[in-house]
Amino acid sequence: MSAVKRLDPVKDELKASEVRTWLGNDSKMSRKFDAMVRKGMIKGFKKGTSQNSPFYYSKCQIEAAFAAVRCKDLL
């Protein structure tokens, strides 16, 4: 995914609603994603300066966080 981010960085950024679609509308995965955001494993950023600007998340960072959780579960 880091190669994709370097080649086309726009494809790496998703809004929160797009993340849920990208995860497959699975409620379990959405809850895990929300928990990772609360714990600080996944950090969002805003592109605009407005208070209502949506948060964007990196696909690469999301995949790395899910992989870390899977590795921890294996130990």
PDB file of N, CA and C in Angstrom:
ATOM      1  N   MET A   1       0.822  -1.196   0.000  1.00  0.00           N
ATOM      2  CA  MET A   1       0.000   0.000   0.000  1.00  0.00           C
ATOM      3  C   MET A   1       0.863   1.255   0.000  1.00  0.00           C
ATOM      4  N   SER A   2       2.050   1.184   0.560  1.00  0.00           N
ATOM      5  CA  SER A   2       2.887   2.375   0.559  1.00  0.00           C
ATOM      6  C   SER A   2       3.285   2.749  -0.867  1.00  0.00           C
ATOM      7  N   ALA A   3       3.423   1.745  -1.741  1.00  0.00           N
ATOM      8  CA  ALA A   3       3.725   2.034  -3.144  1.00  0.00           C
ATOM      9  C   ALA A   3       2.552   2.753  -3.802  1.00  0.00           C
ATOM     10  N   VAL A   4       1.339   2.334  -3.495  1.00  0.00           N
ATOM     11  CA  VAL A   4       0.145   2.999  -4.026  1.00  0.00           C
ATOM     12  C   VAL A   4       0.100   4.434  -3.528  1.00  0.00           C
ATOM     13  N   LYS A   5       0.444   4.630  -2.260  1.00  0.00           N
ATOM     14  CA  LYS A   5       0.422   5.978  -1.687  1.00  0.00           C
ATOM     15  C   LYS A   5       1.427   6.880  -2.392  1.00  0.00           C
ATOM     16  N   ARG A   6       2.588   6.332  -2.728  1.00  0.00           N
ATOM     17  CA  ARG A   6       3.603   7.138  -3.413  1.00  0.00           C
ATOM     18  C   ARG A   6       3.189   7.442  -4.844  1.00  0.00           C
ATOM     19  N   LEU A   7       2.565   6.474  -5.523  1.00  0.00           N
ATOM     20  CA  LEU A   7       2.187   6.671  -6.919  1.00  0.00           C
ATOM     21  C   LEU A   7       0.968   7.570  -7.076  1.00  0.00           C
ATOM     22  N   ASP A   8      -0.027   7.348  -6.278  1.00  0.00           N
ATOM     23  CA  ASP A   8      -1.262   8.116  -6.383  1.00  0.00           C
ATOM     24  C   ASP A   8      -1.807   8.402  -4.988  1.00  0.00           C
ATOM     25  N   PRO A   9      -1.322   9.448  -4.334  1.00  0.00           N
ATOM     26  CA  PRO A   9      -1.699   9.708  -2.945  1.00  0.00           C
ATOM     27  C   PRO A   9      -3.183   9.999  -2.736  1.00  0.00           C
ATOM     28  N   VAL A  10      -3.896  10.428  -3.764  1.00  0.00           N
ATOM     29  CA  VAL A  10      -5.309  10.741  -3.615  1.00  0.00           C
ATOM     30  C   VAL A  10      -6.108   9.470  -3.320  1.00  0.00           C
ATOM     31  N   LYS A  11      -5.737   8.357  -3.906  1.00  0.00           N
ATOM     32  CA  LYS A  11      -6.455   7.110  -3.689  1.00  0.00           C
ATOM     33  C   LYS A  11      -6.257   6.589  -2.270  1.00  0.00           C
ATOM     34  N   ASP A  12      -5.246   7.053  -1.579  1.00  0.00           N
ATOM     35  CA  ASP A  12      -4.950   6.580  -0.229  1.00  0.00           C
ATOM     36  C   ASP A  12      -5.832   7.244   0.822  1.00  0.00           C
ATOM     37  N   GLU A  13      -6.453   8.360   0.506  1.00  0.00           N
ATOM     38  CA  GLU A  13      -7.228   9.122   1.488  1.00  0.00           C
ATOM     39  C   GLU A  13      -8.715   8.829   1.347  1.00  0.00           C
ATOM     40  N   LEU A  14      -9.341   8.458   2.479  1.00  0.00           N
ATOM     41  CA  LEU A  14     -10.764   8.149   2.496  1.00  0.00           C
ATOM     42  C   LEU A  14     -11.458   8.922   3.603  1.00  0.00           C
ATOM     43  N   LYS A  15     -12.697   9.347   3.349  1.00  0.00           N
ATOM     44  CA  LYS A  15     -13.527   9.920   4.407  1.00  0.00           C
ATOM     45  C   LYS A  15     -13.994   8.778   5.306  1.00  0.00           C
ATOM     46  N   ALA A  16     -14.485   9.126   6.492  1.00  0.00           N
ATOM     47  CA  ALA A  16     -14.947   8.105   7.442  1.00  0.00           C
ATOM     48  C   ALA A  16     -16.047   7.242   6.838  1.00  0.00           C
ATOM     49  N   SER A  17     -16.985   7.855   6.118  1.00  0.00           N
ATOM     50  CA  SER A  17     -18.067   7.079   5.509  1.00  0.00           C
ATOM     51  C   SER A  17     -17.528   6.163   4.413  1.00  0.00           C
ATOM     52  N   GLU A  18     -16.514   6.616   3.685  1.00  0.00           N
ATOM     53  CA  GLU A  18     -15.912   5.794   2.645  1.00  0.00           C
ATOM     54  C   GLU A  18     -15.124   4.640   3.244  1.00  0.00           C
ATOM     55  N   VAL A  19     -14.561   4.850   4.435  1.00  0.00           N
ATOM     56  CA  VAL A  19     -13.813   3.786   5.106  1.00  0.00           C
ATOM     57  C   VAL A  19     -14.745   2.633   5.408  1.00  0.00           C
ATOM     58  N   ARG A  20     -15.927   2.935   5.899  1.00  0.00           N
ATOM     59  CA  ARG A  20     -16.887   1.881   6.222  1.00  0.00           C
ATOM     60  C   ARG A  20     -17.290   1.096   4.974  1.00  0.00           C
ATOM     61  N   THR A  21     -17.450   1.770   3.849  1.00  0.00           N
ATOM     62  CA  THR A  21     -17.760   1.095   2.593  1.00  0.00           C
ATOM     63  C   THR A  21     -16.570   0.249   2.153  1.00  0.00           C
ATOM     64  N   TRP A  22     -15.369   0.792   2.293  1.00  0.00           N
ATOM     65  CA  TRP A  22     -14.149   0.099   1.909  1.00  0.00           C
ATOM     66  C   TRP A  22     -13.939  -1.156   2.767  1.00  0.00           C
ATOM     67  N   LEU A  23     -14.358  -1.084   4.035  1.00  0.00           N
ATOM     68  CA  LEU A  23     -14.241  -2.243   4.918  1.00  0.00           C
ATOM     69  C   LEU A  23     -15.328  -3.277   4.651  1.00  0.00           C
ATOM     70  N   GLY A  24     -16.274  -2.956   3.794  1.00  0.00           N
ATOM     71  CA  GLY A  24     -17.285  -3.914   3.385  1.00  0.00           C
ATOM     72  C   GLY A  24     -18.585  -3.827   4.163  1.00  0.00           C
ATOM     73  N   ASN A  25     -18.865  -2.686   4.764  1.00  0.00           N
ATOM     74  CA  ASN A  25     -20.099  -2.489   5.537  1.00  0.00           C
ATOM     75  C   ASN A  25     -20.290  -3.560   6.608  1.00  0.00           C
ATOM     76  N   ASP A  26     -19.197  -4.074   7.134  1.00  0.00           N
ATOM     77  CA  ASP A  26     -19.229  -5.075   8.198  1.00  0.00           C
ATOM     78  C   ASP A  26     -19.233  -4.337   9.530  1.00  0.00           C
ATOM     79  N   SER A  27     -20.266  -4.554  10.336  1.00  0.00           N
ATOM     80  CA  SER A  27     -20.385  -3.809  11.593  1.00  0.00           C
ATOM     81  C   SER A  27     -19.249  -4.134  12.558  1.00  0.00           C
ATOM     82  N   LYS A  28     -18.748  -5.363  12.522  1.00  0.00           N
ATOM     83  CA  LYS A  28     -17.637  -5.750  13.402  1.00  0.00           C
ATOM     84  C   LYS A  28     -16.371  -4.978  13.029  1.00  0.00           C
ATOM     85  N   MET A  29     -16.104  -4.890  11.739  1.00  0.00           N
ATOM     86  CA  MET A  29     -14.922  -4.153  11.279  1.00  0.00           C
ATOM     87  C   MET A  29     -15.080  -2.662  11.566  1.00  0.00           C
ATOM     88  N   SER A  30     -16.282  -2.135  11.419  1.00  0.00           N
ATOM     89  CA  SER A  30     -16.526  -0.717  11.707  1.00  0.00           C
ATOM     90  C   SER A  30     -16.296  -0.409  13.181  1.00  0.00           C
ATOM     91  N   ARG A  31     -16.738  -1.313  14.047  1.00  0.00           N
ATOM     92  CA  ARG A  31     -16.516  -1.121  15.491  1.00  0.00           C
ATOM     93  C   ARG A  31     -15.028  -1.182  15.821  1.00  0.00           C
ATOM     94  N   LYS A  32     -14.303  -2.100  15.171  1.00  0.00           N
ATOM     95  CA  LYS A  32     -12.854  -2.182  15.386  1.00  0.00           C
ATOM     96  C   LYS A  32     -12.172  -0.904  14.908  1.00  0.00           C
ATOM     97  N   PHE A  33     -12.617  -0.405  13.751  1.00  0.00           N
ATOM     98  CA  PHE A  33     -12.056   0.829  13.215  1.00  0.00           C
ATOM     99  C   PHE A  33     -12.289   1.984  14.193  1.00  0.00           C
ATOM    100  N   ASP A  34     -13.515   2.114  14.708  1.00  0.00           N
ATOM    101  CA  ASP A  34     -13.836   3.175  15.660  1.00  0.00           C
ATOM    102  C   ASP A  34     -12.987   3.052  16.932  1.00  0.00           C
ATOM    103  N   ALA A  35     -12.787   1.819  17.400  1.00  0.00           N
ATOM    104  CA  ALA A  35     -11.975   1.607  18.599  1.00  0.00           C
ATOM    105  C   ALA A  35     -10.520   2.005  18.350  1.00  0.00           C
ATOM    106  N   MET A  36     -10.001   1.696  17.173  1.00  0.00           N
ATOM    107  CA  MET A  36      -8.617   2.048  16.842  1.00  0.00           C
ATOM    108  C   MET A  36      -8.444   3.558  16.745  1.00  0.00           C
ATOM    109  N   VAL A  37      -9.464   4.241  16.239  1.00  0.00           N
ATOM    110  CA  VAL A  37      -9.406   5.709  16.161  1.00  0.00           C
ATOM    111  C   VAL A  37      -9.404   6.296  17.573  1.00  0.00           C
ATOM    112  N   ARG A  38     -10.272   5.768  18.454  1.00  0.00           N
ATOM    113  CA  ARG A  38     -10.323   6.260  19.840  1.00  0.00           C
ATOM    114  C   ARG A  38      -9.014   6.026  20.574  1.00  0.00           C
ATOM    115  N   LYS A  39      -8.367   4.876  20.316  1.00  0.00           N
ATOM    116  CA  LYS A  39      -7.108   4.549  20.999  1.00  0.00           C
ATOM    117  C   LYS A  39      -5.911   5.262  20.393  1.00  0.00           C
ATOM    118  N   GLY A  40      -6.085   5.874  19.237  1.00  0.00           N
ATOM    119  CA  GLY A  40      -5.001   6.616  18.608  1.00  0.00           C
ATOM    120  C   GLY A  40      -4.147   5.783  17.668  1.00  0.00           C
ATOM    121  N   MET A  41      -4.578   4.568  17.361  1.00  0.00           N
ATOM    122  CA  MET A  41      -3.831   3.734  16.426  1.00  0.00           C
ATOM    123  C   MET A  41      -3.972   4.250  14.998  1.00  0.00           C
ATOM    124  N   ILE A  42      -5.121   4.861  14.719  1.00  0.00           N
ATOM    125  CA  ILE A  42      -5.397   5.447  13.412  1.00  0.00           C
ATOM    126  C   ILE A  42      -5.717   6.914  13.643  1.00  0.00           C
ATOM    127  N   LYS A  43      -5.005   7.773  12.950  1.00  0.00           N
ATOM    128  CA  LYS A  43      -5.206   9.209  13.127  1.00  0.00           C
ATOM    129  C   LYS A  43      -5.791   9.811  11.854  1.00  0.00           C
ATOM    130  N   GLY A  44      -6.848  10.562  12.026  1.00  0.00           N
ATOM    131  CA  GLY A  44      -7.478  11.248  10.908  1.00  0.00           C
ATOM    132  C   GLY A  44      -6.932  12.662  10.770  1.00  0.00           C
ATOM    133  N   PHE A  45      -7.169  13.260   9.638  1.00  0.00           N
ATOM    134  CA  PHE A  45      -6.747  14.638   9.401  1.00  0.00           C
ATOM    135  C   PHE A  45      -7.813  15.347   8.587  1.00  0.00           C
ATOM    136  N   LYS A  46      -7.830  16.660   8.717  1.00  0.00           N
ATOM    137  CA  LYS A  46      -8.781  17.477   7.966  1.00  0.00           C
ATOM    138  C   LYS A  46      -8.036  18.206   6.857  1.00  0.00           C
ATOM    139  N   LYS A  47      -8.654  18.300   5.704  1.00  0.00           N
ATOM    140  CA  LYS A  47      -8.061  19.034   4.597  1.00  0.00           C
ATOM    141  C   LYS A  47      -8.419  20.513   4.665  1.00  0.00           C
ATOM    142  N   GLY A  48      -9.594  20.817   5.165  1.00  0.00           N
ATOM    143  CA  GLY A  48     -10.050  22.196   5.225  1.00  0.00           C
ATOM    144  C   GLY A  48      -9.864  22.789   6.604  1.00  0.00           C
ATOM    145  N   THR A  49     -10.123  24.082   6.715  1.00  0.00           N
ATOM    146  CA  THR A  49      -9.979  24.772   7.991  1.00  0.00           C
ATOM    147  C   THR A  49     -11.306  24.909   8.720  1.00  0.00           C
ATOM    148  N   SER A  50     -12.396  24.579   8.050  1.00  0.00           N
ATOM    149  CA  SER A  50     -13.713  24.699   8.652  1.00  0.00           C
ATOM    150  C   SER A  50     -13.919  23.646   9.732  1.00  0.00           C
ATOM    151  N   GLN A  51     -14.754  23.972  10.704  1.00  0.00           N
ATOM    152  CA  GLN A  51     -15.052  23.048  11.782  1.00  0.00           C
ATOM    153  C   GLN A  51     -15.785  21.806  11.253  1.00  0.00           C
ATOM    154  N   ASN A  52     -16.559  21.995  10.192  1.00  0.00           N
ATOM    155  CA  ASN A  52     -17.341  20.896   9.626  1.00  0.00           C
ATOM    156  C   ASN A  52     -16.610  20.116   8.543  1.00  0.00           C
ATOM    157  N   SER A  53     -15.332  20.384   8.343  1.00  0.00           N
ATOM    158  CA  SER A  53     -14.569  19.631   7.357  1.00  0.00           C
ATOM    159  C   SER A  53     -14.489  18.167   7.781  1.00  0.00           C
ATOM    160  N   PRO A  54     -14.653  17.257   6.829  1.00  0.00           N
ATOM    161  CA  PRO A  54     -14.622  15.832   7.204  1.00  0.00           C
ATOM    162  C   PRO A  54     -13.201  15.367   7.528  1.00  0.00           C
ATOM    163  N   PHE A  55     -13.124  14.340   8.358  1.00  0.00           N
ATOM    164  CA  PHE A  55     -11.847  13.720   8.651  1.00  0.00           C
ATOM    165  C   PHE A  55     -11.519  12.747   7.528  1.00  0.00           C
ATOM    166  N   TYR A  56     -10.263  12.701   7.135  1.00  0.00           N
ATOM    167  CA  TYR A  56      -9.775  11.761   6.143  1.00  0.00           C
ATOM    168  C   TYR A  56      -8.826  10.800   6.840  1.00  0.00           C
ATOM    169  N   TYR A  57      -8.815   9.556   6.368  1.00  0.00           N
ATOM    170  CA  TYR A  57      -7.964   8.527   6.936  1.00  0.00           C
ATOM    171  C   TYR A  57      -7.151   7.889   5.827  1.00  0.00           C
ATOM    172  N   SER A  58      -5.960   7.423   6.158  1.00  0.00           N
ATOM    173  CA  SER A  58      -5.072   6.793   5.201  1.00  0.00           C
ATOM    174  C   SER A  58      -5.331   5.291   5.146  1.00  0.00           C
ATOM    175  N   LYS A  59      -5.524   4.756   3.932  1.00  0.00           N
ATOM    176  CA  LYS A  59      -5.718   3.319   3.766  1.00  0.00           C
ATOM    177  C   LYS A  59      -4.514   2.552   4.296  1.00  0.00           C
ATOM    178  N   CYS A  60      -3.334   3.071   4.015  1.00  0.00           N
ATOM    179  CA  CYS A  60      -2.102   2.422   4.444  1.00  0.00           C
ATOM    180  C   CYS A  60      -2.059   2.318   5.966  1.00  0.00           C
ATOM    181  N   GLN A  61      -2.409   3.381   6.645  1.00  0.00           N
ATOM    182  CA  GLN A  61      -2.397   3.399   8.104  1.00  0.00           C
ATOM    183  C   GLN A  61      -3.468   2.466   8.676  1.00  0.00           C
ATOM    184  N   ILE A  62      -4.629   2.400   8.043  1.00  0.00           N
ATOM    185  CA  ILE A  62      -5.703   1.520   8.496  1.00  0.00           C
ATOM    186  C   ILE A  62      -5.271   0.061   8.353  1.00  0.00           C
ATOM    187  N   GLU A  63      -4.700  -0.286   7.202  1.00  0.00           N
ATOM    188  CA  GLU A  63      -4.256  -1.658   6.988  1.00  0.00           C
ATOM    189  C   GLU A  63      -3.144  -2.040   7.960  1.00  0.00           C
ATOM    190  N   ALA A  64      -2.244  -1.113   8.252  1.00  0.00           N
ATOM    191  CA  ALA A  64      -1.167  -1.388   9.199  1.00  0.00           C
ATOM    192  C   ALA A  64      -1.719  -1.625  10.598  1.00  0.00           C
ATOM    193  N   ALA A  65      -2.721  -0.866  10.995  1.00  0.00           N
ATOM    194  CA  ALA A  65      -3.329  -1.031  12.319  1.00  0.00           C
ATOM    195  C   ALA A  65      -4.051  -2.373  12.422  1.00  0.00           C
ATOM    196  N   PHE A  66      -4.804  -2.749  11.383  1.00  0.00           N
ATOM    197  CA  PHE A  66      -5.486  -4.035  11.401  1.00  0.00           C
ATOM    198  C   PHE A  66      -4.482  -5.187  11.405  1.00  0.00           C
ATOM    199  N   ALA A  67      -3.379  -5.041  10.678  1.00  0.00           N
ATOM    200  CA  ALA A  67      -2.346  -6.080  10.658  1.00  0.00           C
ATOM    201  C   ALA A  67      -1.693  -6.220  12.031  1.00  0.00           C
ATOM    202  N   ALA A  68      -1.467  -5.096  12.709  1.00  0.00           N
ATOM    203  CA  ALA A  68      -0.871  -5.135  14.048  1.00  0.00           C
ATOM    204  C   ALA A  68      -1.790  -5.847  15.029  1.00  0.00           C
ATOM    205  N   VAL A  69      -3.087  -5.609  14.924  1.00  0.00           N
ATOM    206  CA  VAL A  69      -4.047  -6.270  15.811  1.00  0.00           C
ATOM    207  C   VAL A  69      -4.079  -7.768  15.521  1.00  0.00           C
ATOM    208  N   ARG A  70      -4.048  -8.129  14.225  1.00  0.00           N
ATOM    209  CA  ARG A  70      -4.041  -9.552  13.868  1.00  0.00           C
ATOM    210  C   ARG A  70      -2.789 -10.237  14.394  1.00  0.00           C
ATOM    211  N   CYS A  71      -1.639  -9.571  14.293  1.00  0.00           N
ATOM    212  CA  CYS A  71      -0.378 -10.145  14.798  1.00  0.00           C
ATOM    213  C   CYS A  71      -0.439 -10.312  16.321  1.00  0.00           C
ATOM    214  N   LYS A  72      -1.002  -9.338  16.998  1.00  0.00           N
ATOM    215  CA  LYS A  72      -1.104  -9.418  18.450  1.00  0.00           C
ATOM    216  C   LYS A  72      -2.009 -10.583  18.854  1.00  0.00           C
ATOM    217  N   ASP A  73      -3.076 -10.813  18.106  1.00  0.00           N
ATOM    218  CA  ASP A  73      -3.991 -11.916  18.401  1.00  0.00           C
ATOM    219  C   ASP A  73      -3.310 -13.272  18.204  1.00  0.00           C
ATOM    220  N   LEU A  74      -2.337 -13.352  17.301  1.00  0.00           N
ATOM    221  CA  LEU A  74      -1.642 -14.610  17.042  1.00  0.00           C
ATOM    222  C   LEU A  74      -0.658 -14.973  18.148  1.00  0.00           C
ATOM    223  N   LEU A  75      -0.181 -13.976  18.870  1.00  0.00           N
ATOM    224  CA  LEU A  75       0.820 -14.242  19.929  1.00  0.00           C
ATOM    225  C   LEU A  75       0.211 -14.817  21.161  1.00  0.00           C
TER     226      LEU A  75
END
